[in-house]
C-alpha atoms as a PDB file:
ATOM      1  CA  MET A   1       0.054   0.025  -0.055  1.00  0.00           C
ATOM      2  CA  SER A   2       1.642   3.183  -1.490  1.00  0.00           C
ATOM      3  CA  LYS A   3      -0.915   5.526   1.371  1.00  0.00           C
ATOM      4  CA  GLN A   4      -2.316   4.344   5.069  1.00  0.00           C
ATOM      5  CA  PHE A   5      -5.866   2.780   5.622  1.00  0.00           C
ATOM      6  CA  GLU A   6      -8.077   4.913   6.817  1.00  0.00           C
ATOM      7  CA  GLY A   7     -11.592   3.282   6.946  1.00  0.00           C
ATOM      8  CA  ILE A   8     -12.816   1.328  10.043  1.00  0.00           C
ATOM      9  CA  ILE A   9     -13.326  -2.262  10.447  1.00  0.00           C
ATOM     10  CA  ASN A  10     -15.324  -4.007  12.815  1.00  0.00           C
ATOM     11  CA  LEU A  11     -16.398  -7.089  13.553  1.00  0.00           C
ATOM     12  CA  ASP A  12     -19.548  -6.297  11.252  1.00  0.00           C
ATOM     13  CA  ILE A  13     -19.716  -4.794   8.199  1.00  0.00           C
ATOM     14  CA  ARG A  14     -22.004  -2.850   8.842  1.00  0.00           C
ATOM     15  CA  ASP A  15     -19.814  -1.181  11.200  1.00  0.00           C
ATOM     16  CA  SER A  16     -17.259  -0.486   9.007  1.00  0.00           C
ATOM     17  CA  LYS A  17     -16.080   1.613   7.284  1.00  0.00           C
ATOM     18  CA  PRO A  18     -14.406   0.769   3.209  1.00  0.00           C
ATOM     19  CA  ASP A  19     -11.350   2.596   2.881  1.00  0.00           C
ATOM     20  CA  TRP A  20      -9.804   2.377  -1.268  1.00  0.00           C
ATOM     21  CA  GLU A  21      -7.219   5.140  -1.410  1.00  0.00           C
ATOM     22  CA  PRO A  22      -4.358   3.120  -0.549  1.00  0.00           C
ATOM     23  CA  TYR A  23      -5.132  -0.073  -3.447  1.00  0.00           C
ATOM     24  CA  GLN A  24      -5.688   3.120  -6.124  1.00  0.00           C
ATOM     25  CA  PRO A  25      -3.024   2.824  -8.943  1.00  0.00           C
ATOM     26  CA  PRO A  26      -0.960   6.192  -9.214  1.00  0.00           C
ATOM     27  CA  LYS A  27      -2.860   8.864 -10.346  1.00  0.00           C
ATOM     28  CA  ALA A  28      -1.211  11.655 -12.678  1.00  0.00           C
ATOM     29  CA  LYS A  29      -1.040  15.301 -11.236  1.00  0.00           C
ATOM     30  CA  GLU A  30      -3.783  17.664 -13.055  1.00  0.00           C
ATOM     31  CA  GLY A  31      -2.765  19.649 -16.508  1.00  0.00           C
ATOM     32  CA  ALA A  32      -0.110  16.509 -16.421  1.00  0.00           C
ATOM     33  CA  PRO A  33       1.252  17.005 -20.103  1.00  0.00           C
ATOM     34  CA  ASN A  34       1.350  14.010 -22.881  1.00  0.00           C
ATOM     35  CA  VAL A  35       4.540  13.200 -23.659  1.00  0.00           C
ATOM     36  CA  LEU A  36       5.267  11.942 -27.708  1.00  0.00           C
ATOM     37  CA  TYR A  37       9.453  11.411 -27.923  1.00  0.00           C
ATOM     38  CA  ILE A  38      10.670  10.845 -30.947  1.00  0.00           C
ATOM     39  CA  VAL A  39      13.961   9.338 -31.848  1.00  0.00           C
ATOM     40  CA  TRP A  40      15.105   9.415 -35.653  1.00  0.00           C
ATOM     41  CA  ASP A  41      18.120   6.623 -35.754  1.00  0.00           C
ATOM     42  CA  ASP A  42      21.825   7.087 -37.662  1.00  0.00           C
ATOM     43  CA  THR A  43      20.912  11.036 -38.801  1.00  0.00           C
ATOM     44  CA  GLY A  44      23.164  13.867 -38.672  1.00  0.00           C
ATOM     45  CA  ILE A  45      22.455  17.561 -37.803  1.00  0.00           C
ATOM     46  CA  ALA A  46      23.162  18.460 -41.093  1.00  0.00           C
ATOM     47  CA  ALA A  47      20.350  16.062 -42.773  1.00  0.00           C
ATOM     48  CA  TRP A  48      17.558  18.061 -42.572  1.00  0.00           C
ATOM     49  CA  ASP A  49      16.822  21.135 -43.784  1.00  0.00           C
ATOM     50  CA  ILE A  50      15.269  22.020 -39.772  1.00  0.00           C
ATOM     51  CA  PHE A  51      19.246  22.981 -39.938  1.00  0.00           C
ATOM     52  CA  GLY A  52      20.059  23.847 -43.273  1.00  0.00           C
ATOM     53  CA  GLY A  53      20.054  20.397 -44.928  1.00  0.00           C
ATOM     54  CA  LEU A  54      18.583  19.405 -47.977  1.00  0.00           C
ATOM     55  CA  ILE A  55      16.374  16.787 -46.737  1.00  0.00           C
ATOM     56  CA  GLU A  56      12.571  18.483 -46.696  1.00  0.00           C
ATOM     57  CA  MET A  57      10.762  18.250 -43.267  1.00  0.00           C
ATOM     58  CA  PRO A  58       8.077  20.165 -42.929  1.00  0.00           C
ATOM     59  CA  ASN A  59       6.191  18.761 -39.877  1.00  0.00           C
ATOM     60  CA  MET A  60       9.796  18.681 -38.004  1.00  0.00           C
ATOM     61  CA  LYS A  61      10.519  22.025 -38.605  1.00  0.00           C
ATOM     62  CA  ARG A  62       6.801  23.557 -37.562  1.00  0.00           C
ATOM     63  CA  LEU A  63       7.073  22.009 -34.229  1.00  0.00           C
ATOM     64  CA  ALA A  64      10.967  22.794 -34.626  1.00  0.00           C
ATOM     65  CA  ASP A  65       9.686  26.186 -35.423  1.00  0.00           C
ATOM     66  CA  LYS A  66       7.452  26.579 -32.193  1.00  0.00           C
ATOM     67  CA  GLY A  67      10.066  24.664 -29.836  1.00  0.00           C
ATOM     68  CA  LEU A  68      13.344  25.148 -29.696  1.00  0.00           C
ATOM     69  CA  ARG A  69      16.856  23.886 -31.282  1.00  0.00           C
ATOM     70  CA  TYR A  70      19.870  23.144 -29.247  1.00  0.00           C
ATOM     71  CA  SER A  71      23.462  23.704 -31.614  1.00  0.00           C
ATOM     72  CA  ASN A  72      25.450  22.352 -28.076  1.00  0.00           C
ATOM     73  CA  TRP A  73      25.288  19.227 -26.963  1.00  0.00           C
ATOM     74  CA  HIS A  74      27.428  15.534 -26.865  1.00  0.00           C
ATOM     75  CA  THR A  75      26.693  12.667 -28.419  1.00  0.00           C
ATOM     76  CA  THR A  76      27.837   9.113 -28.066  1.00  0.00           C
ATOM     77  CA  ALA A  77      27.928   8.082 -32.194  1.00  0.00           C
ATOM     78  CA  LEU A  78      26.165   4.679 -31.011  1.00  0.00           C
ATOM     79  CA  CYS A  79      22.837   3.513 -30.786  1.00  0.00           C
ATOM     80  CA  SER A  80      22.812   1.792 -27.776  1.00  0.00           C
ATOM     81  CA  PRO A  81      24.874   4.488 -25.733  1.00  0.00           C
ATOM     82  CA  SER A  82      22.565   7.395 -26.976  1.00  0.00           C
ATOM     83  CA  ARG A  83      19.728   5.074 -26.285  1.00  0.00           C
ATOM     84  CA  SER A  84      20.478   4.833 -23.081  1.00  0.00           C
ATOM     85  CA  CYS A  85      21.640   8.094 -21.948  1.00  0.00           C
ATOM     86  CA  LEU A  86      18.674   9.502 -23.609  1.00  0.00           C
ATOM     87  CA  MET A  87      16.129   7.266 -21.084  1.00  0.00           C
ATOM     88  CA  THR A  88      18.541   7.680 -18.038  1.00  0.00           C
ATOM     89  CA  GLY A  89      19.558  11.191 -18.654  1.00  0.00           C
ATOM     90  CA  ARG A  90      22.806   9.266 -16.952  1.00  0.00           C
ATOM     91  CA  ASN A  91      26.636   8.446 -18.965  1.00  0.00           C
ATOM     92  CA  ALA A  92      26.768   5.600 -21.175  1.00  0.00           C
ATOM     93  CA  GLN A  93      29.280   4.148 -18.821  1.00  0.00           C
ATOM     94  CA  MET A  94      27.221   4.526 -15.258  1.00  0.00           C
ATOM     95  CA  ASN A  95      24.460   2.282 -17.764  1.00  0.00           C
ATOM     96  CA  GLY A  96      26.580  -0.655 -18.582  1.00  0.00           C
ATOM     97  CA  MET A  97      26.767   0.790 -22.837  1.00  0.00           C
ATOM     98  CA  ALA A  98      30.231   1.938 -23.260  1.00  0.00           C
ATOM     99  CA  CYS A  99      28.850   0.230 -26.378  1.00  0.00           C
ATOM    100  CA  ILE A 100      25.614  -1.370 -27.928  1.00  0.00           C
ATOM    101  CA  THR A 101      23.844  -4.365 -26.947  1.00  0.00           C
ATOM    102  CA  GLU A 102      26.174  -6.850 -29.219  1.00  0.00           C
ATOM    103  CA  GLY A 103      29.413  -5.272 -28.062  1.00  0.00           C
ATOM    104  CA  ALA A 104      28.994  -6.021 -24.723  1.00  0.00           C
ATOM    105  CA  THR A 105      32.360  -7.019 -23.358  1.00  0.00           C
ATOM    106  CA  GLY A 106      31.314  -8.247 -19.370  1.00  0.00           C
ATOM    107  CA  PHE A 107      32.946  -5.685 -17.565  1.00  0.00           C
ATOM    108  CA  PRO A 108      31.082  -3.076 -15.562  1.00  0.00           C
ATOM    109  CA  GLY A 109      30.990  -0.478 -18.000  1.00  0.00           C
ATOM    110  CA  SER A 110      30.418  -2.213 -21.546  1.00  0.00           C
ATOM    111  CA  CYS A 111      27.953  -5.174 -19.431  1.00  0.00           C
ATOM    112  CA  GLY A 112      25.201  -4.647 -22.089  1.00  0.00           C
ATOM    113  CA  VAL A 113      22.526  -4.120 -19.384  1.00  0.00           C
ATOM    114  CA  ILE A 114      21.391  -0.740 -17.313  1.00  0.00           C
ATOM    115  CA  PRO A 115      21.308  -1.600 -13.735  1.00  0.00           C
ATOM    116  CA  PRO A 116      17.980  -1.715 -12.118  1.00  0.00           C
ATOM    117  CA  GLU A 117      18.448   1.600  -9.735  1.00  0.00           C
ATOM    118  CA  ASN A 118      19.463   3.759 -13.654  1.00  0.00           C
ATOM    119  CA  GLY A 119      15.289   4.691 -13.314  1.00  0.00           C
ATOM    120  CA  MET A 120      14.222   5.312 -17.035  1.00  0.00           C
ATOM    121  CA  ILE A 121      11.481   7.938 -18.164  1.00  0.00           C
ATOM    122  CA  SER A 122       9.457   5.428 -18.823  1.00  0.00           C
ATOM    123  CA  GLU A 123       9.586   3.939 -15.337  1.00  0.00           C
ATOM    124  CA  MET A 124       9.164   7.400 -13.601  1.00  0.00           C
ATOM    125  CA  LEU A 125       6.110   8.504 -15.356  1.00  0.00           C
ATOM    126  CA  HIS A 126       4.835   5.157 -14.697  1.00  0.00           C
ATOM    127  CA  MET A 127       5.086   5.785 -11.452  1.00  0.00           C
ATOM    128  CA  ASN A 128       3.009   8.446 -11.591  1.00  0.00           C
ATOM    129  CA  GLY A 129       0.170   7.806 -13.532  1.00  0.00           C
ATOM    130  CA  TYR A 130       0.774   7.575 -16.996  1.00  0.00           C
ATOM    131  CA  SER A 131      -0.033   5.390 -19.534  1.00  0.00           C
ATOM    132  CA  THR A 132       3.513   4.451 -20.793  1.00  0.00           C
ATOM    133  CA  PHE A 133       3.990   3.073 -24.881  1.00  0.00           C
ATOM    134  CA  CYS A 134       7.070   2.467 -26.324  1.00  0.00           C
ATOM    135  CA  VAL A 135       6.997   1.425 -30.324  1.00  0.00           C
ATOM    136  CA  GLY A 136       9.831   0.905 -32.962  1.00  0.00           C
ATOM    137  CA  LYS A 137      13.648   0.293 -32.059  1.00  0.00           C
ATOM    138  CA  TRP A 138      14.690  -0.441 -28.820  1.00  0.00           C
ATOM    139  CA  HIS A 139      18.359  -1.671 -28.933  1.00  0.00           C
ATOM    140  CA  LEU A 140      18.828  -2.362 -24.777  1.00  0.00           C
ATOM    141  CA  THR A 141      18.440  -5.254 -24.369  1.00  0.00           C
ATOM    142  CA  PRO A 142      21.539  -7.591 -24.939  1.00  0.00           C
ATOM    143  CA  GLU A 143      21.889 -10.727 -27.680  1.00  0.00           C
ATOM    144  CA  THR A 144      21.747 -13.292 -25.037  1.00  0.00           C
ATOM    145  CA  GLU A 145      17.963 -11.861 -23.803  1.00  0.00           C
ATOM    146  CA  SER A 146      16.466 -11.533 -27.324  1.00  0.00           C
ATOM    147  CA  ASN A 147      15.012 -14.264 -27.128  1.00  0.00           C
ATOM    148  CA  MET A 148      11.302 -16.505 -25.506  1.00  0.00           C
ATOM    149  CA  ALA A 149      13.478 -18.050 -23.651  1.00  0.00           C
ATOM    150  CA  GLY A 150      15.695 -14.829 -22.627  1.00  0.00           C
ATOM    151  CA  SER A 151      14.679 -12.853 -19.834  1.00  0.00           C
ATOM    152  CA  LYS A 152      12.401 -10.201 -20.195  1.00  0.00           C
ATOM    153  CA  ARG A 153      13.892  -7.854 -17.754  1.00  0.00           C
ATOM    154  CA  THR A 154      15.823  -5.942 -20.074  1.00  0.00           C
ATOM    155  CA  TRP A 155      12.917  -6.071 -22.645  1.00  0.00           C
ATOM    156  CA  PRO A 156      10.085  -2.982 -22.889  1.00  0.00           C
ATOM    157  CA  THR A 157       8.011  -3.758 -20.465  1.00  0.00           C
ATOM    158  CA  GLY A 158      10.742  -4.289 -18.239  1.00  0.00           C
ATOM    159  CA  ARG A 159      11.313  -1.243 -18.069  1.00  0.00           C
ATOM    160  CA  GLY A 160       8.392   0.781 -17.725  1.00  0.00           C
ATOM    161  CA  PHE A 161       6.353   0.454 -20.581  1.00  0.00           C
ATOM    162  CA  GLU A 162       2.995  -1.113 -20.832  1.00  0.00           C
ATOM    163  CA  ARG A 163       3.409  -1.605 -23.667  1.00  0.00           C
ATOM    164  CA  PHE A 164       5.200  -2.164 -26.678  1.00  0.00           C
ATOM    165  CA  TYR A 165       5.346  -2.809 -30.722  1.00  0.00           C
ATOM    166  CA  GLY A 166       8.735  -3.361 -32.621  1.00  0.00           C
ATOM    167  CA  PHE A 167      12.169  -4.574 -33.082  1.00  0.00           C
ATOM    168  CA  LEU A 168      14.766  -5.307 -29.765  1.00  0.00           C
ATOM    169  CA  GLY A 169      17.863  -5.214 -32.441  1.00  0.00           C
ATOM    170  CA  GLY A 170      20.505  -2.517 -33.774  1.00  0.00           C
ATOM    171  CA  GLU A 171      18.532  -3.211 -37.523  1.00  0.00           C
ATOM    172  CA  THR A 172      15.696  -4.438 -39.292  1.00  0.00           C
ATOM    173  CA  ASN A 173      14.586  -5.645 -42.865  1.00  0.00           C
ATOM    174  CA  GLN A 174      12.016  -2.421 -42.869  1.00  0.00           C
ATOM    175  CA  TRP A 175       9.724  -4.888 -45.456  1.00  0.00           C
ATOM    176  CA  PHE A 176      10.131  -7.860 -43.604  1.00  0.00           C
ATOM    177  CA  PRO A 177      11.072  -6.468 -40.407  1.00  0.00           C
ATOM    178  CA  ASP A 178      11.425  -9.358 -36.608  1.00  0.00           C
ATOM    179  CA  LEU A 179       8.787  -7.667 -34.988  1.00  0.00           C
ATOM    180  CA  ALA A 180       8.009  -8.011 -31.056  1.00  0.00           C
ATOM    181  CA  TYR A 181       4.475  -7.368 -29.710  1.00  0.00           C
ATOM    182  CA  ASP A 182       4.045  -6.986 -25.702  1.00  0.00           C
ATOM    183  CA  ASN A 183       6.514 -10.137 -24.392  1.00  0.00           C
ATOM    184  CA  HIS A 184       6.203 -12.079 -27.876  1.00  0.00           C
ATOM    185  CA  PHE A 185       7.459 -11.784 -31.247  1.00  0.00           C
ATOM    186  CA  VAL A 186       4.910 -11.738 -34.143  1.00  0.00           C
ATOM    187  CA  ASP A 187       4.658 -12.026 -38.435  1.00  0.00           C
ATOM    188  CA  GLN A 188       3.977  -8.015 -39.569  1.00  0.00           C
ATOM    189  CA  PRO A 189       0.049  -7.504 -40.353  1.00  0.00           C
ATOM    190  CA  TYR A 190       0.321  -7.387 -43.901  1.00  0.00           C
ATOM    191  CA  LYS A 191       2.873  -7.207 -47.259  1.00  0.00           C
ATOM    192  CA  PRO A 192       4.638  -4.752 -48.885  1.00  0.00           C
ATOM    193  CA  GLU A 193       2.934  -5.794 -51.638  1.00  0.00           C
ATOM    194  CA  GLN A 194      -0.256  -4.337 -50.034  1.00  0.00           C
ATOM    195  CA  GLY A 195       1.569  -1.107 -49.120  1.00  0.00           C
ATOM    196  CA  TYR A 196       3.222  -2.158 -46.040  1.00  0.00           C
ATOM    197  CA  HIS A 197       6.709  -0.544 -44.406  1.00  0.00           C
ATOM    198  CA  LEU A 198       7.590  -0.451 -41.015  1.00  0.00           C
ATOM    199  CA  SER A 199       7.384   3.346 -40.234  1.00  0.00           C
ATOM    200  CA  LYS A 200       4.185   3.258 -41.642  1.00  0.00           C
ATOM    201  CA  ASP A 201       2.930   0.356 -39.710  1.00  0.00           C
ATOM    202  CA  LEU A 202       5.015   1.473 -36.164  1.00  0.00           C
ATOM    203  CA  VAL A 203       2.912   5.427 -37.222  1.00  0.00           C
ATOM    204  CA  ASP A 204      -0.442   3.519 -37.010  1.00  0.00           C
ATOM    205  CA  LYS A 205       0.386   1.006 -33.684  1.00  0.00           C
ATOM    206  CA  SER A 206       1.669   4.535 -31.992  1.00  0.00           C
ATOM    207  CA  ILE A 207      -2.349   5.741 -32.620  1.00  0.00           C
ATOM    208  CA  GLN A 208      -4.019   2.425 -31.808  1.00  0.00           C
ATOM    209  CA  PHE A 209      -2.319   2.670 -28.313  1.00  0.00           C
ATOM    210  CA  ILE A 210      -3.118   6.068 -27.581  1.00  0.00           C
ATOM    211  CA  GLN A 211      -6.094   5.550 -28.708  1.00  0.00           C
ATOM    212  CA  ASP A 212      -6.650   2.325 -26.474  1.00  0.00           C
ATOM    213  CA  SER A 213      -6.074   4.434 -23.343  1.00  0.00           C
ATOM    214  CA  THR A 214      -7.800   7.617 -24.270  1.00  0.00           C
ATOM    215  CA  GLN A 215     -11.209   6.480 -25.233  1.00  0.00           C
ATOM    216  CA  ILE A 216     -11.453   5.151 -22.051  1.00  0.00           C
ATOM    217  CA  ALA A 217      -9.809   7.082 -19.989  1.00  0.00           C
ATOM    218  CA  PRO A 218      -8.982  10.935 -22.069  1.00  0.00           C
ATOM    219  CA  GLU A 219      -7.919  12.327 -18.858  1.00  0.00           C
ATOM    220  CA  LYS A 220      -4.969  10.241 -18.613  1.00  0.00           C
ATOM    221  CA  PRO A 221      -1.270  11.737 -19.968  1.00  0.00           C
ATOM    222  CA  TRP A 222       0.577   9.381 -21.844  1.00  0.00           C
ATOM    223  CA  LEU A 223       4.496   8.589 -23.148  1.00  0.00           C
ATOM    224  CA  MET A 224       4.476   7.527 -26.269  1.00  0.00           C
ATOM    225  CA  TYR A 225       8.480   6.297 -27.693  1.00  0.00           C
ATOM    226  CA  LEU A 226       8.596   6.277 -30.851  1.00  0.00           C
ATOM    227  CA  CYS A 227      11.835   5.317 -32.630  1.00  0.00           C
ATOM    228  CA  PHE A 228      12.060   4.995 -36.542  1.00  0.00           C
ATOM    229  CA  GLY A 229      15.201   2.760 -37.869  1.00  0.00           C
ATOM    230  CA  ALA A 230      14.426   3.431 -41.494  1.00  0.00           C
ATOM    231  CA  ASN A 231      17.303   6.067 -41.753  1.00  0.00           C
ATOM    232  CA  HIS A 232      19.587   2.752 -40.649  1.00  0.00           C
ATOM    233  CA  ALA A 233      21.247   0.146 -42.868  1.00  0.00           C
ATOM    234  CA  PRO A 234      19.574  -1.216 -44.396  1.00  0.00           C
ATOM    235  CA  HIS A 235      18.114   1.924 -45.812  1.00  0.00           C
ATOM    236  CA  HIS A 236      14.755   0.518 -47.185  1.00  0.00           C
ATOM    237  CA  VAL A 237      12.280   3.346 -48.495  1.00  0.00           C
ATOM    238  CA  PRO A 238       9.580   3.528 -51.024  1.00  0.00           C
ATOM    239  CA  LYS A 239      10.445   4.387 -54.156  1.00  0.00           C
ATOM    240  CA  GLU A 240       8.211   7.385 -54.644  1.00  0.00           C
ATOM    241  CA  TRP A 241      11.045   8.614 -51.853  1.00  0.00           C
ATOM    242  CA  ALA A 242      13.943   7.563 -53.641  1.00  0.00           C
ATOM    243  CA  ASP A 243      13.126   8.973 -56.892  1.00  0.00           C
ATOM    244  CA  LYS A 244      12.415  12.428 -55.091  1.00  0.00           C
ATOM    245  CA  TYR A 245      15.790  12.697 -53.798  1.00  0.00           C
ATOM    246  CA  LYS A 246      17.579  11.060 -56.744  1.00  0.00           C
ATOM    247  CA  GLY A 247      20.580  13.248 -57.953  1.00  0.00           C
ATOM    248  CA  LYS A 248      20.764  15.335 -54.992  1.00  0.00           C
ATOM    249  CA  PHE A 249      23.618  14.040 -53.186  1.00  0.00           C
ATOM    250  CA  ASP A 250      25.418  13.681 -56.505  1.00  0.00           C
ATOM    251  CA  MET A 251      28.036  16.626 -55.031  1.00  0.00           C
ATOM    252  CA  GLY A 252      29.341  14.178 -52.714  1.00  0.00           C
ATOM    253  CA  TYR A 253      29.582  14.460 -48.897  1.00  0.00           C
ATOM    254  CA  GLU A 254      33.094  16.456 -49.148  1.00  0.00           C
ATOM    255  CA  LYS A 255      31.217  19.111 -50.872  1.00  0.00           C
ATOM    256  CA  TYR A 256      28.396  18.853 -49.477  1.00  0.00           C
ATOM    257  CA  ARG A 257      29.829  18.843 -45.622  1.00  0.00           C
END
């Protein structure tokens, strides 16, 4: 119980008074905001038009124009270490993530397992009454635990997320992804010839997770951690998008830089 029982217990129920408050789940403060946390994998600052690049990002630019653009930061330049820092606010070595999970060495700073005492934002918000969803790339679970016989302690559902839909490793085929749903693996819902692409699937599932919660408790805030994988190898993109940028970067990296 999180609070002291303040009811009355007598021999007869007619003379007793229940108190449900100690048994209630955490409730967010009134006015607590929803949090949409988007991670674009393997994307450099020079890529987007938001920071002067050649890739047009109209929706992201609209958000940036209404918010903040950071110009001074530190990056670990690797996926798992960066994600561990973003989720915990701690140094990558303190998280045991000096390298990607596939490169874990068995030493404290690079064991590939984030200590449970290094709380994630998902765990913090879950304990404060939020619905918590993880959709897309995770890459914070060791290879030895990325299977149905492995421990689920480092899966998203073991680190404060109530729902998960995406892939556990560093990369996956965007047309035929290795998909996990909560604590089990699933097949993709339809095929590429029917219009499937993982990015679209992730957005659809994000909307579904939010709707599942808000149609029951519209006042309950949510955290959506949405991580796309299409910018990462193997670089699978619909033809209409590839054609749109044909020849745009033919000047080469050095000139573009």
